């Protein structure tokens, strides 16, 4: 844990940490968030962070449902071609989904 003596010191502290309410300590940023200039922010739609103490979020991959803490891979028979999708889409009737990260294909 980094020791912080005032709010001014926090701007020079290590990226990926935020200021505790009393500004006496810097805490590592939580999973699903990123920290910049001593403030914690949630990962934006289409991004995630699965590691504590980070200063950026990662882009969600295709073929997964995107959640702030981690992408969840689409199961067989589902797909996702939108990095911001919160859920995978079921493969439509009459089509096949051989790869969860591409559009369904005709049989």
PDB file of N, CA and C in Angstrom:
ATOM      1  N   UNK A   1       0.840  -1.169   0.000  1.00  0.00           N
ATOM      2  CA  UNK A   1       0.000   0.000   0.000  1.00  0.00           C
ATOM      3  C   UNK A   1       0.890   1.238   0.000  1.00  0.00           C
ATOM      4  N   UNK A   2       0.539   2.203  -0.831  1.00  0.00           N
ATOM      5  CA  UNK A   2       1.292   3.449  -0.871  1.00  0.00           C
ATOM      6  C   UNK A   2       0.796   4.377   0.221  1.00  0.00           C
ATOM      7  N   UNK A   3       1.699   5.081   0.870  1.00  0.00           N
ATOM      8  CA  UNK A   3       1.312   6.064   1.881  1.00  0.00           C
ATOM      9  C   UNK A   3       1.131   7.413   1.205  1.00  0.00           C
ATOM     10  N   UNK A   4       0.036   8.072   1.468  1.00  0.00           N
ATOM     11  CA  UNK A   4      -0.239   9.389   0.903  1.00  0.00           C
ATOM     12  C   UNK A   4      -0.435  10.365   2.055  1.00  0.00           C
ATOM     13  N   UNK A   5       0.197  11.510   1.972  1.00  0.00           N
ATOM     14  CA  UNK A   5       0.096  12.471   3.066  1.00  0.00           C
ATOM     15  C   UNK A   5      -0.900  13.577   2.776  1.00  0.00           C
ATOM     16  N   UNK A   6      -1.240  13.807   1.520  1.00  0.00           N
ATOM     17  CA  UNK A   6      -2.244  14.819   1.181  1.00  0.00           C
ATOM     18  C   UNK A   6      -2.780  14.523  -0.207  1.00  0.00           C
ATOM     19  N   UNK A   7      -3.855  15.180  -0.541  1.00  0.00           N
ATOM     20  CA  UNK A   7      -4.450  14.970  -1.873  1.00  0.00           C
ATOM     21  C   UNK A   7      -3.468  15.352  -2.975  1.00  0.00           C
ATOM     22  N   UNK A   8      -2.604  16.339  -2.728  1.00  0.00           N
ATOM     23  CA  UNK A   8      -1.632  16.760  -3.736  1.00  0.00           C
ATOM     24  C   UNK A   8      -0.653  15.651  -4.084  1.00  0.00           C
ATOM     25  N   UNK A   9      -0.269  14.862  -3.107  1.00  0.00           N
ATOM     26  CA  UNK A   9       0.694  13.789  -3.333  1.00  0.00           C
ATOM     27  C   UNK A   9       0.085  12.710  -4.237  1.00  0.00           C
ATOM     28  N   UNK A  10      -1.214  12.538  -4.163  1.00  0.00           N
ATOM     29  CA  UNK A  10      -1.861  11.460  -4.919  1.00  0.00           C
ATOM     30  C   UNK A  10      -1.674  11.612  -6.424  1.00  0.00           C
ATOM     31  N   UNK A  11      -1.603  12.830  -6.921  1.00  0.00           N
ATOM     32  CA  UNK A  11      -1.438  13.017  -8.347  1.00  0.00           C
ATOM     33  C   UNK A  11      -0.080  12.546  -8.830  1.00  0.00           C
ATOM     34  N   UNK A  12       0.870  12.400  -7.927  1.00  0.00           N
ATOM     35  CA  UNK A  12       2.194  11.908  -8.273  1.00  0.00           C
ATOM     36  C   UNK A  12       2.350  10.430  -7.910  1.00  0.00           C
ATOM     37  N   UNK A  13       1.307   9.846  -7.309  1.00  0.00           N
ATOM     38  CA  UNK A  13       1.426   8.457  -6.892  1.00  0.00           C
ATOM     39  C   UNK A  13       1.287   7.524  -8.089  1.00  0.00           C
ATOM     40  N   UNK A  14       1.526   6.293  -7.848  1.00  0.00           N
ATOM     41  CA  UNK A  14       1.531   5.268  -8.893  1.00  0.00           C
ATOM     42  C   UNK A  14       0.167   5.142  -9.556  1.00  0.00           C
ATOM     43  N   UNK A  15       0.160   5.045 -10.886  1.00  0.00           N
ATOM     44  CA  UNK A  15      -1.077   4.821 -11.632  1.00  0.00           C
ATOM     45  C   UNK A  15      -1.688   3.500 -11.185  1.00  0.00           C
ATOM     46  N   UNK A  16      -3.003   3.417 -11.212  1.00  0.00           N
ATOM     47  CA  UNK A  16      -3.691   2.198 -10.801  1.00  0.00           C
ATOM     48  C   UNK A  16      -4.114   2.211  -9.346  1.00  0.00           C
ATOM     49  N   UNK A  17      -3.911   3.349  -8.656  1.00  0.00           N
ATOM     50  CA  UNK A  17      -4.298   3.485  -7.256  1.00  0.00           C
ATOM     51  C   UNK A  17      -5.244   4.660  -7.096  1.00  0.00           C
ATOM     52  N   UNK A  18      -6.106   4.584  -6.080  1.00  0.00           N
ATOM     53  CA  UNK A  18      -7.015   5.686  -5.778  1.00  0.00           C
ATOM     54  C   UNK A  18      -6.834   6.098  -4.328  1.00  0.00           C
ATOM     55  N   UNK A  19      -7.281   7.284  -4.009  1.00  0.00           N
ATOM     56  CA  UNK A  19      -7.137   7.836  -2.673  1.00  0.00           C
ATOM     57  C   UNK A  19      -8.249   7.338  -1.762  1.00  0.00           C
ATOM     58  N   UNK A  20      -7.879   6.892  -0.571  1.00  0.00           N
ATOM     59  CA  UNK A  20      -8.873   6.554   0.443  1.00  0.00           C
ATOM     60  C   UNK A  20      -9.578   7.854   0.833  1.00  0.00           C
ATOM     61  N   UNK A  21     -10.772   7.756   1.416  1.00  0.00           N
ATOM     62  CA  UNK A  21     -11.555   8.942   1.738  1.00  0.00           C
ATOM     63  C   UNK A  21     -10.800   9.972   2.572  1.00  0.00           C
ATOM     64  N   UNK A  22      -9.972   9.527   3.488  1.00  0.00           N
ATOM     65  CA  UNK A  22      -9.254  10.483   4.348  1.00  0.00           C
ATOM     66  C   UNK A  22      -7.936  10.950   3.725  1.00  0.00           C
ATOM     67  N   UNK A  23      -7.647  10.526   2.505  1.00  0.00           N
ATOM     68  CA  UNK A  23      -6.431  10.909   1.773  1.00  0.00           C
ATOM     69  C   UNK A  23      -5.148  10.490   2.496  1.00  0.00           C
ATOM     70  N   UNK A  24      -5.244   9.497   3.362  1.00  0.00           N
ATOM     71  CA  UNK A  24      -4.040   9.076   4.086  1.00  0.00           C
ATOM     72  C   UNK A  24      -3.357   7.881   3.431  1.00  0.00           C
ATOM     73  N   UNK A  25      -4.081   7.152   2.596  1.00  0.00           N
ATOM     74  CA  UNK A  25      -3.483   5.990   1.921  1.00  0.00           C
ATOM     75  C   UNK A  25      -3.972   5.915   0.480  1.00  0.00           C
ATOM     76  N   UNK A  26      -3.196   5.256  -0.336  1.00  0.00           N
ATOM     77  CA  UNK A  26      -3.601   4.944  -1.712  1.00  0.00           C
ATOM     78  C   UNK A  26      -3.905   3.455  -1.755  1.00  0.00           C
ATOM     79  N   UNK A  27      -5.042   3.123  -2.291  1.00  0.00           N
ATOM     80  CA  UNK A  27      -5.480   1.733  -2.380  1.00  0.00           C
ATOM     81  C   UNK A  27      -5.446   1.287  -3.838  1.00  0.00           C
ATOM     82  N   UNK A  28      -5.157  -0.010  -4.106  1.00  0.00           N
ATOM     83  CA  UNK A  28      -5.180  -0.476  -5.493  1.00  0.00           C
ATOM     84  C   UNK A  28      -6.599  -0.422  -6.062  1.00  0.00           C
ATOM     85  N   UNK A  29      -6.686  -0.069  -7.301  1.00  0.00           N
ATOM     86  CA  UNK A  29      -7.960   0.015  -8.002  1.00  0.00           C
ATOM     87  C   UNK A  29      -8.628  -1.362  -8.021  1.00  0.00           C
ATOM     88  N   UNK A  30      -9.938  -1.389  -7.906  1.00  0.00           N
ATOM     89  CA  UNK A  30     -10.694  -2.639  -7.875  1.00  0.00           C
ATOM     90  C   UNK A  30     -10.820  -3.247  -9.275  1.00  0.00           C
ATOM     91  N   UNK A  31     -11.042  -4.541  -9.305  1.00  0.00           N
ATOM     92  CA  UNK A  31     -11.352  -5.246 -10.549  1.00  0.00           C
ATOM     93  C   UNK A  31     -12.626  -4.632 -11.136  1.00  0.00           C
ATOM     94  N   UNK A  32     -12.666  -4.478 -12.459  1.00  0.00           N
ATOM     95  CA  UNK A  32     -13.812  -3.876 -13.122  1.00  0.00           C
ATOM     96  C   UNK A  32     -13.726  -2.358 -13.204  1.00  0.00           C
ATOM     97  N   UNK A  33     -12.608  -1.806 -12.716  1.00  0.00           N
ATOM     98  CA  UNK A  33     -12.392  -0.362 -12.686  1.00  0.00           C
ATOM     99  C   UNK A  33     -10.974  -0.040 -13.117  1.00  0.00           C
ATOM    100  N   UNK A  34     -10.706   1.254 -13.334  1.00  0.00           N
ATOM    101  CA  UNK A  34      -9.348   1.726 -13.583  1.00  0.00           C
ATOM    102  C   UNK A  34      -9.154   2.996 -12.766  1.00  0.00           C
ATOM    103  N   UNK A  35      -7.916   3.320 -12.430  1.00  0.00           N
ATOM    104  CA  UNK A  35      -7.634   4.478 -11.596  1.00  0.00           C
ATOM    105  C   UNK A  35      -6.637   5.411 -12.264  1.00  0.00           C
ATOM    106  N   UNK A  36      -7.005   6.692 -12.288  1.00  0.00           N
ATOM    107  CA  UNK A  36      -6.170   7.745 -12.853  1.00  0.00           C
ATOM    108  C   UNK A  36      -6.273   8.954 -11.935  1.00  0.00           C
ATOM    109  N   UNK A  37      -5.140   9.607 -11.659  1.00  0.00           N
ATOM    110  CA  UNK A  37      -5.110  10.805 -10.822  1.00  0.00           C
ATOM    111  C   UNK A  37      -5.838  10.617  -9.489  1.00  0.00           C
ATOM    112  N   UNK A  38      -5.597   9.486  -8.869  1.00  0.00           N
ATOM    113  CA  UNK A  38      -6.112   9.122  -7.548  1.00  0.00           C
ATOM    114  C   UNK A  38      -7.616   8.872  -7.505  1.00  0.00           C
ATOM    115  N   UNK A  39      -8.261   8.771  -8.667  1.00  0.00           N
ATOM    116  CA  UNK A  39      -9.698   8.503  -8.707  1.00  0.00           C
ATOM    117  C   UNK A  39      -9.964   7.172  -9.400  1.00  0.00           C
ATOM    118  N   UNK A  40     -11.013   6.489  -8.918  1.00  0.00           N
ATOM    119  CA  UNK A  40     -11.400   5.213  -9.505  1.00  0.00           C
ATOM    120  C   UNK A  40     -12.622   5.429 -10.403  1.00  0.00           C
ATOM    121  N   UNK A  41     -12.549   4.834 -11.606  1.00  0.00           N
ATOM    122  CA  UNK A  41     -13.620   4.943 -12.585  1.00  0.00           C
ATOM    123  C   UNK A  41     -14.012   3.549 -13.058  1.00  0.00           C
ATOM    124  N   UNK A  42     -15.314   3.299 -13.304  1.00  0.00           N
ATOM    125  CA  UNK A  42     -15.721   1.992 -13.831  1.00  0.00           C
ATOM    126  C   UNK A  42     -15.282   1.847 -15.296  1.00  0.00           C
ATOM    127  N   UNK A  43     -14.972   0.638 -15.689  1.00  0.00           N
ATOM    128  CA  UNK A  43     -14.657   0.381 -17.094  1.00  0.00           C
ATOM    129  C   UNK A  43     -15.884   0.717 -17.931  1.00  0.00           C
ATOM    130  N   UNK A  44     -15.648   1.364 -19.054  1.00  0.00           N
ATOM    131  CA  UNK A  44     -16.731   1.775 -19.941  1.00  0.00           C
ATOM    132  C   UNK A  44     -17.262   0.570 -20.721  1.00  0.00           C
ATOM    133  N   UNK A  45     -18.444   0.733 -21.292  1.00  0.00           N
ATOM    134  CA  UNK A  45     -19.065  -0.314 -22.081  1.00  0.00           C
ATOM    135  C   UNK A  45     -18.099  -0.771 -23.179  1.00  0.00           C
ATOM    136  N   UNK A  46     -17.915  -2.076 -23.308  1.00  0.00           N
ATOM    137  CA  UNK A  46     -16.999  -2.627 -24.307  1.00  0.00           C
ATOM    138  C   UNK A  46     -15.596  -2.852 -23.786  1.00  0.00           C
ATOM    139  N   UNK A  47     -15.373  -2.553 -22.497  1.00  0.00           N
ATOM    140  CA  UNK A  47     -14.061  -2.767 -21.890  1.00  0.00           C
ATOM    141  C   UNK A  47     -14.211  -3.488 -20.550  1.00  0.00           C
ATOM    142  N   UNK A  48     -13.112  -4.048 -20.073  1.00  0.00           N
ATOM    143  CA  UNK A  48     -13.105  -4.760 -18.790  1.00  0.00           C
ATOM    144  C   UNK A  48     -11.730  -4.638 -18.156  1.00  0.00           C
ATOM    145  N   UNK A  49     -11.663  -4.973 -16.877  1.00  0.00           N
ATOM    146  CA  UNK A  49     -10.370  -5.066 -16.187  1.00  0.00           C
ATOM    147  C   UNK A  49     -10.473  -6.198 -15.177  1.00  0.00           C
ATOM    148  N   UNK A  50      -9.661  -7.233 -15.371  1.00  0.00           N
ATOM    149  CA  UNK A  50      -9.705  -8.416 -14.519  1.00  0.00           C
ATOM    150  C   UNK A  50      -8.548  -8.484 -13.523  1.00  0.00           C
ATOM    151  N   UNK A  51      -7.807  -7.382 -13.387  1.00  0.00           N
ATOM    152  CA  UNK A  51      -6.658  -7.326 -12.476  1.00  0.00           C
ATOM    153  C   UNK A  51      -6.795  -6.075 -11.610  1.00  0.00           C
ATOM    154  N   UNK A  52      -6.482  -6.190 -10.326  1.00  0.00           N
ATOM    155  CA  UNK A  52      -6.486  -5.019  -9.435  1.00  0.00           C
ATOM    156  C   UNK A  52      -5.311  -4.099  -9.749  1.00  0.00           C
ATOM    157  N   UNK A  53      -5.456  -2.814  -9.423  1.00  0.00           N
ATOM    158  CA  UNK A  53      -4.354  -1.863  -9.501  1.00  0.00           C
ATOM    159  C   UNK A  53      -3.959  -1.448 -10.900  1.00  0.00           C
ATOM    160  N   UNK A  54      -4.923  -1.345 -11.809  1.00  0.00           N
ATOM    161  CA  UNK A  54      -4.610  -0.972 -13.189  1.00  0.00           C
ATOM    162  C   UNK A  54      -5.099   0.440 -13.510  1.00  0.00           C
ATOM    163  N   UNK A  55      -4.464   1.062 -14.487  1.00  0.00           N
ATOM    164  CA  UNK A  55      -4.812   2.433 -14.862  1.00  0.00           C
ATOM    165  C   UNK A  55      -5.563   2.513 -16.193  1.00  0.00           C
ATOM    166  N   UNK A  56      -5.845   1.377 -16.800  1.00  0.00           N
ATOM    167  CA  UNK A  56      -6.629   1.321 -18.035  1.00  0.00           C
ATOM    168  C   UNK A  56      -7.506   0.079 -18.014  1.00  0.00           C
ATOM    169  N   UNK A  57      -8.479   0.043 -18.898  1.00  0.00           N
ATOM    170  CA  UNK A  57      -9.307  -1.148 -19.090  1.00  0.00           C
ATOM    171  C   UNK A  57      -8.936  -1.768 -20.435  1.00  0.00           C
ATOM    172  N   UNK A  58      -9.211  -3.046 -20.575  1.00  0.00           N
ATOM    173  CA  UNK A  58      -8.898  -3.779 -21.801  1.00  0.00           C
ATOM    174  C   UNK A  58     -10.137  -3.840 -22.693  1.00  0.00           C
ATOM    175  N   UNK A  59      -9.923  -3.897 -24.008  1.00  0.00           N
ATOM    176  CA  UNK A  59     -11.033  -4.021 -24.946  1.00  0.00           C
ATOM    177  C   UNK A  59     -11.585  -5.440 -24.892  1.00  0.00           C
ATOM    178  N   UNK A  60     -12.913  -5.564 -24.853  1.00  0.00           N
ATOM    179  CA  UNK A  60     -13.533  -6.887 -24.839  1.00  0.00           C
ATOM    180  C   UNK A  60     -13.338  -7.569 -26.192  1.00  0.00           C
ATOM    181  N   UNK A  61     -13.131  -8.872 -26.174  1.00  0.00           N
ATOM    182  CA  UNK A  61     -12.951  -9.590 -27.441  1.00  0.00           C
ATOM    183  C   UNK A  61     -14.299  -9.897 -28.099  1.00  0.00           C
ATOM    184  N   UNK A  62     -14.269 -10.131 -29.392  1.00  0.00           N
ATOM    185  CA  UNK A  62     -15.457 -10.642 -30.073  1.00  0.00           C
ATOM    186  C   UNK A  62     -15.673 -12.073 -29.592  1.00  0.00           C
ATOM    187  N   UNK A  63     -16.898 -12.550 -29.664  1.00  0.00           N
ATOM    188  CA  UNK A  63     -17.183 -13.922 -29.248  1.00  0.00           C
ATOM    189  C   UNK A  63     -17.381 -14.072 -27.756  1.00  0.00           C
ATOM    190  N   UNK A  64     -17.709 -12.962 -27.077  1.00  0.00           N
ATOM    191  CA  UNK A  64     -17.893 -12.998 -25.625  1.00  0.00           C
ATOM    192  C   UNK A  64     -18.924 -11.957 -25.205  1.00  0.00           C
ATOM    193  N   UNK A  65     -19.530 -12.193 -24.051  1.00  0.00           N
ATOM    194  CA  UNK A  65     -20.387 -11.200 -23.419  1.00  0.00           C
ATOM    195  C   UNK A  65     -19.456 -10.331 -22.572  1.00  0.00           C
ATOM    196  N   UNK A  66     -19.568  -9.031 -22.727  1.00  0.00           N
ATOM    197  CA  UNK A  66     -18.633  -8.128 -22.052  1.00  0.00           C
ATOM    198  C   UNK A  66     -19.182  -7.665 -20.708  1.00  0.00           C
ATOM    199  N   UNK A  67     -18.430  -7.922 -19.660  1.00  0.00           N
ATOM    200  CA  UNK A  67     -18.764  -7.473 -18.313  1.00  0.00           C
ATOM    201  C   UNK A  67     -17.542  -6.742 -17.762  1.00  0.00           C
ATOM    202  N   UNK A  68     -17.722  -5.751 -16.879  1.00  0.00           N
ATOM    203  CA  UNK A  68     -16.595  -4.937 -16.403  1.00  0.00           C
ATOM    204  C   UNK A  68     -15.446  -5.731 -15.775  1.00  0.00           C
ATOM    205  N   UNK A  69     -15.759  -6.858 -15.135  1.00  0.00           N
ATOM    206  CA  UNK A  69     -14.709  -7.629 -14.462  1.00  0.00           C
ATOM    207  C   UNK A  69     -14.040  -8.658 -15.364  1.00  0.00           C
ATOM    208  N   UNK A  70     -14.719  -9.101 -16.417  1.00  0.00           N
ATOM    209  CA  UNK A  70     -14.135 -10.098 -17.328  1.00  0.00           C
ATOM    210  C   UNK A  70     -15.118 -10.436 -18.437  1.00  0.00           C
ATOM    211  N   UNK A  71     -14.610 -10.705 -19.644  1.00  0.00           N
ATOM    212  CA  UNK A  71     -15.504 -11.171 -20.703  1.00  0.00           C
ATOM    213  C   UNK A  71     -15.853 -12.640 -20.461  1.00  0.00           C
ATOM    214  N   UNK A  72     -17.077 -13.015 -20.822  1.00  0.00           N
ATOM    215  CA  UNK A  72     -17.511 -14.402 -20.657  1.00  0.00           C
ATOM    216  C   UNK A  72     -17.685 -14.983 -22.053  1.00  0.00           C
ATOM    217  N   UNK A  73     -16.860 -15.976 -22.430  1.00  0.00           N
ATOM    218  CA  UNK A  73     -16.934 -16.550 -23.780  1.00  0.00           C
ATOM    219  C   UNK A  73     -18.333 -17.093 -24.085  1.00  0.00           C
ATOM    220  N   UNK A  74     -18.767 -16.910 -25.321  1.00  0.00           N
ATOM    221  CA  UNK A  74     -20.065 -17.429 -25.749  1.00  0.00           C
ATOM    222  C   UNK A  74     -20.011 -18.955 -25.791  1.00  0.00           C
ATOM    223  N   UNK A  75     -21.071 -19.614 -25.318  1.00  0.00           N
ATOM    224  CA  UNK A  75     -21.109 -21.082 -25.407  1.00  0.00           C
ATOM    225  C   UNK A  75     -21.396 -21.523 -26.841  1.00  0.00           C
ATOM    226  N   UNK A  76     -21.256 -22.797 -27.108  1.00  0.00           N
ATOM    227  CA  UNK A  76     -21.544 -23.369 -28.423  1.00  0.00           C
ATOM    228  C   UNK A  76     -22.992 -23.039 -28.786  1.00  0.00           C
ATOM    229  N   UNK A  77     -23.206 -22.612 -30.035  1.00  0.00           N
ATOM    230  CA  UNK A  77     -24.550 -22.276 -30.498  1.00  0.00           C
ATOM    231  C   UNK A  77     -24.922 -20.819 -30.272  1.00  0.00           C
ATOM    232  N   UNK A  78     -23.986 -20.025 -29.764  1.00  0.00           N
ATOM    233  CA  UNK A  78     -24.206 -18.594 -29.537  1.00  0.00           C
ATOM    234  C   UNK A  78     -23.052 -17.820 -30.154  1.00  0.00           C
ATOM    235  N   UNK A  79     -23.269 -16.530 -30.389  1.00  0.00           N
ATOM    236  CA  UNK A  79     -22.213 -15.703 -30.980  1.00  0.00           C
ATOM    237  C   UNK A  79     -22.319 -14.278 -30.449  1.00  0.00           C
ATOM    238  N   UNK A  80     -21.268 -13.499 -30.644  1.00  0.00           N
ATOM    239  CA  UNK A  80     -21.257 -12.075 -30.315  1.00  0.00           C
ATOM    240  C   UNK A  80     -20.264 -11.380 -31.235  1.00  0.00           C
ATOM    241  N   UNK A  81     -20.778 -10.487 -32.070  1.00  0.00           N
ATOM    242  CA  UNK A  81     -19.913  -9.732 -32.985  1.00  0.00           C
ATOM    243  C   UNK A  81     -19.872  -8.263 -32.573  1.00  0.00           C
ATOM    244  N   UNK A  82     -20.327  -8.000 -31.359  1.00  0.00           N
ATOM    245  CA  UNK A  82     -20.361  -6.648 -30.808  1.00  0.00           C
ATOM    246  C   UNK A  82     -19.573  -6.636 -29.503  1.00  0.00           C
ATOM    247  N   UNK A  83     -18.490  -5.891 -29.464  1.00  0.00           N
ATOM    248  CA  UNK A  83     -17.643  -5.847 -28.262  1.00  0.00           C
ATOM    249  C   UNK A  83     -18.363  -5.276 -27.047  1.00  0.00           C
ATOM    250  N   UNK A  84     -19.474  -4.574 -27.254  1.00  0.00           N
ATOM    251  CA  UNK A  84     -20.202  -3.974 -26.138  1.00  0.00           C
ATOM    252  C   UNK A  84     -21.371  -4.839 -25.661  1.00  0.00           C
ATOM    253  N   UNK A  85     -21.592  -5.991 -26.291  1.00  0.00           N
ATOM    254  CA  UNK A  85     -22.722  -6.853 -25.934  1.00  0.00           C
ATOM    255  C   UNK A  85     -22.579  -7.390 -24.506  1.00  0.00           C
ATOM    256  N   UNK A  86     -23.668  -7.295 -23.745  1.00  0.00           N
ATOM    257  CA  UNK A  86     -23.690  -7.813 -22.373  1.00  0.00           C
ATOM    258  C   UNK A  86     -24.082  -9.288 -22.340  1.00  0.00           C
ATOM    259  N   UNK A  87     -24.585  -9.795 -23.470  1.00  0.00           N
ATOM    260  CA  UNK A  87     -24.991 -11.200 -23.561  1.00  0.00           C
ATOM    261  C   UNK A  87     -24.705 -11.701 -24.973  1.00  0.00           C
ATOM    262  N   UNK A  88     -24.509 -12.992 -25.100  1.00  0.00           N
ATOM    263  CA  UNK A  88     -24.313 -13.609 -26.406  1.00  0.00           C
ATOM    264  C   UNK A  88     -25.683 -13.850 -27.037  1.00  0.00           C
ATOM    265  N   UNK A  89     -25.717 -13.897 -28.364  1.00  0.00           N
ATOM    266  CA  UNK A  89     -26.962 -14.093 -29.108  1.00  0.00           C
ATOM    267  C   UNK A  89     -27.027 -15.533 -29.595  1.00  0.00           C
ATOM    268  N   UNK A  90     -28.212 -16.136 -29.452  1.00  0.00           N
ATOM    269  CA  UNK A  90     -28.382 -17.514 -29.912  1.00  0.00           C
ATOM    270  C   UNK A  90     -28.340 -17.552 -31.428  1.00  0.00           C
ATOM    271  N   UNK A  91     -27.710 -18.586 -31.963  1.00  0.00           N
ATOM    272  CA  UNK A  91     -27.616 -18.772 -33.402  1.00  0.00           C
ATOM    273  C   UNK A  91     -29.035 -18.977 -33.955  1.00  0.00           C
ATOM    274  N   UNK A  92     -29.414 -18.212 -34.980  1.00  0.00           N
ATOM    275  CA  UNK A  92     -30.779 -18.311 -35.513  1.00  0.00           C
ATOM    276  C   UNK A  92     -31.049 -19.675 -36.165  1.00  0.00           C
ATOM    277  N   UNK A  93     -32.312 -20.022 -36.190  1.00  0.00           N
ATOM    278  CA  UNK A  93     -32.746 -21.254 -36.839  1.00  0.00           C
ATOM    279  C   UNK A  93     -32.380 -21.202 -38.319  1.00  0.00           C
ATOM    280  N   UNK A  94     -31.869 -22.288 -38.860  1.00  0.00           N
ATOM    281  CA  UNK A  94     -31.487 -22.357 -40.263  1.00  0.00           C
ATOM    282  C   UNK A  94     -30.073 -21.873 -40.533  1.00  0.00           C
ATOM    283  N   UNK A  95     -29.369 -21.478 -39.491  1.00  0.00           N
ATOM    284  CA  UNK A  95     -27.984 -21.033 -39.653  1.00  0.00           C
ATOM    285  C   UNK A  95     -27.095 -21.794 -38.684  1.00  0.00           C
ATOM    286  N   UNK A  96     -25.798 -21.742 -38.951  1.00  0.00           N
ATOM    287  CA  UNK A  96     -24.835 -22.376 -38.053  1.00  0.00           C
ATOM    288  C   UNK A  96     -23.876 -21.305 -37.524  1.00  0.00           C
ATOM    289  N   UNK A  97     -23.353 -21.572 -36.347  1.00  0.00           N
ATOM    290  CA  UNK A  97     -22.394 -20.660 -35.719  1.00  0.00           C
ATOM    291  C   UNK A  97     -21.130 -21.454 -35.386  1.00  0.00           C
ATOM    292  N   UNK A  98     -20.279 -21.689 -36.404  1.00  0.00           N
ATOM    293  CA  UNK A  98     -19.073 -22.490 -36.163  1.00  0.00           C
ATOM    294  C   UNK A  98     -18.027 -21.752 -35.327  1.00  0.00           C
ATOM    295  N   UNK A  99     -18.146 -20.433 -35.269  1.00  0.00           N
ATOM    296  CA  UNK A  99     -17.189 -19.623 -34.518  1.00  0.00           C
ATOM    297  C   UNK A  99     -17.994 -18.533 -33.816  1.00  0.00           C
ATOM    298  N   UNK A 100     -17.832 -18.407 -32.526  1.00  0.00           N
ATOM    299  CA  UNK A 100     -18.656 -17.460 -31.754  1.00  0.00           C
ATOM    300  C   UNK A 100     -18.349 -15.994 -32.028  1.00  0.00           C
ATOM    301  N   UNK A 101     -17.280 -15.722 -32.792  1.00  0.00           N
ATOM    302  CA  UNK A 101     -16.906 -14.331 -33.042  1.00  0.00           C
ATOM    303  C   UNK A 101     -17.190 -13.862 -34.475  1.00  0.00           C
ATOM    304  N   UNK A 102     -17.960 -14.645 -35.228  1.00  0.00           N
ATOM    305  CA  UNK A 102     -18.357 -14.230 -36.590  1.00  0.00           C
ATOM    306  C   UNK A 102     -19.873 -14.380 -36.729  1.00  0.00           C
ATOM    307  N   UNK A 103     -20.416 -13.706 -37.740  1.00  0.00           N
ATOM    308  CA  UNK A 103     -21.850 -13.773 -37.975  1.00  0.00           C
ATOM    309  C   UNK A 103     -22.268 -15.201 -38.329  1.00  0.00           C
ATOM    310  N   UNK A 104     -23.524 -15.568 -37.975  1.00  0.00           N
ATOM    311  CA  UNK A 104     -24.026 -16.900 -38.339  1.00  0.00           C
ATOM    312  C   UNK A 104     -23.992 -17.099 -39.859  1.00  0.00           C
ATOM    313  N   UNK A 105     -23.809 -18.351 -40.255  1.00  0.00           N
ATOM    314  CA  UNK A 105     -23.717 -18.686 -41.671  1.00  0.00           C
ATOM    315  C   UNK A 105     -24.874 -19.590 -42.068  1.00  0.00           C
ATOM    316  N   UNK A 106     -25.267 -19.526 -43.343  1.00  0.00           N
ATOM    317  CA  UNK A 106     -26.314 -20.407 -43.847  1.00  0.00           C
ATOM    318  C   UNK A 106     -25.824 -21.838 -43.807  1.00  0.00           C
ATOM    319  N   UNK A 107     -26.738 -22.755 -43.598  1.00  0.00           N
ATOM    320  CA  UNK A 107     -26.401 -24.190 -43.590  1.00  0.00           C
ATOM    321  C   UNK A 107     -26.019 -24.649 -44.976  1.00  0.00           C
TER     322      UNK A 107
END
